[in-house]
């Protein structure tokens, strides 16, 4: 497990090697990738729930829960301020 000291060293090295402009761009891209990963994971879970043979009521609750999670993630990504590029 990586401790706080190791994380601090990695951040300092990244700042020195990449510089502040490239580091913020890298962090932004990693954030976008993580958001896409979460959306894809939720969609995959929905498909797996659809394919499984669980009770109708349980299935409906799970689908509604995953749909709400996806909706919240999508709204958050649409409301996020965009940078001028």
Protein backbone atom coordinates (compact mmCIF):
# COMPACT_ATOMS: atom_id res chain seq x y z
CA UNK A 1 0.00 0.00 0.00
CA UNK A 2 1.29 3.44 -0.89
CA UNK A 3 1.54 5.87 2.03
CA UNK A 4 1.23 9.64 2.09
CA UNK A 5 5.00 10.09 1.91
CA UNK A 6 5.25 8.11 -1.32
CA UNK A 7 2.32 10.00 -2.84
CA UNK A 8 3.94 13.32 -1.92
CA UNK A 9 7.23 12.24 -3.55
CA UNK A 10 5.39 11.16 -6.71
CA UNK A 11 3.52 14.50 -6.90
CA UNK A 12 6.72 16.50 -6.42
CA UNK A 13 8.54 14.46 -9.09
CA UNK A 14 5.62 14.84 -11.50
CA UNK A 15 5.55 18.60 -10.90
CA UNK A 16 9.29 18.86 -11.55
CA UNK A 17 9.26 16.62 -14.63
CA UNK A 18 6.02 17.78 -16.26
CA UNK A 19 5.65 21.32 -15.02
CA UNK A 20 2.46 22.88 -13.69
CA UNK A 21 0.73 23.26 -17.08
CA UNK A 22 1.22 19.67 -18.20
CA UNK A 23 0.42 18.34 -14.73
CA UNK A 24 -2.99 20.04 -14.67
CA UNK A 25 -3.70 18.78 -18.17
CA UNK A 26 -2.75 15.25 -17.11
CA UNK A 27 -4.97 15.48 -14.02
CA UNK A 28 -7.89 16.73 -16.13
CA UNK A 29 -7.49 13.88 -18.61
CA UNK A 30 -7.26 11.32 -15.81
CA UNK A 31 -10.45 12.73 -14.30
CA UNK A 32 -12.25 12.41 -17.63
CA UNK A 33 -11.04 8.84 -18.03
CA UNK A 34 -12.23 7.97 -14.54
CA UNK A 35 -15.65 9.46 -15.28
CA UNK A 36 -15.92 7.42 -18.47
CA UNK A 37 -14.87 4.31 -16.56
CA UNK A 38 -17.61 4.86 -13.98
CA UNK A 39 -20.25 5.31 -16.70
CA UNK A 40 -19.10 2.20 -18.56
CA UNK A 41 -19.06 0.21 -15.32
CA UNK A 42 -22.62 1.27 -14.51
CA UNK A 43 -23.81 0.39 -18.01
CA UNK A 44 -22.10 -3.00 -17.75
CA UNK A 45 -23.76 -3.65 -14.39
CA UNK A 46 -27.14 -2.78 -15.92
CA UNK A 47 -26.58 -5.24 -18.73
CA UNK A 48 -25.53 -7.96 -16.30
CA UNK A 49 -28.64 -7.35 -14.20
CA UNK A 50 -30.77 -7.57 -17.30
CA UNK A 51 -29.20 -10.87 -18.26
CA UNK A 52 -29.44 -12.46 -14.82
CA UNK A 53 -32.48 -14.34 -13.63
CA UNK A 54 -33.49 -12.45 -10.50
CA UNK A 55 -37.01 -11.68 -9.31
CA UNK A 56 -38.94 -8.98 -11.13
CA UNK A 57 -39.19 -6.66 -8.13
CA UNK A 58 -35.49 -7.01 -7.24
CA UNK A 59 -34.57 -6.48 -10.87
CA UNK A 60 -36.72 -3.35 -11.13
CA UNK A 61 -35.20 -1.85 -7.96
CA UNK A 62 -31.64 -2.57 -9.09
CA UNK A 63 -32.22 -1.13 -12.56
CA UNK A 64 -33.81 2.02 -11.12
CA UNK A 65 -30.89 2.42 -8.69
CA UNK A 66 -28.28 2.06 -11.44
CA UNK A 67 -30.26 4.37 -13.73
CA UNK A 68 -30.29 7.08 -11.03
CA UNK A 69 -26.53 6.68 -10.50
CA UNK A 70 -25.91 7.04 -14.22
CA UNK A 71 -28.26 10.03 -14.44
CA UNK A 72 -26.46 11.78 -11.55
CA UNK A 73 -23.05 11.12 -13.14
CA UNK A 74 -24.24 12.38 -16.51
CA UNK A 75 -25.78 15.54 -15.04
CA UNK A 76 -22.60 16.22 -13.07
CA UNK A 77 -20.44 15.88 -16.17
CA UNK A 78 -22.74 18.16 -18.18
CA UNK A 79 -22.77 20.82 -15.46
CA UNK A 80 -19.01 20.78 -14.97
CA UNK A 81 -17.39 24.04 -16.17
CA UNK A 82 -15.42 23.59 -19.32
CA UNK A 83 -11.93 24.99 -19.77
CA UNK A 84 -11.00 27.09 -22.78
CA UNK A 85 -8.92 24.94 -25.06
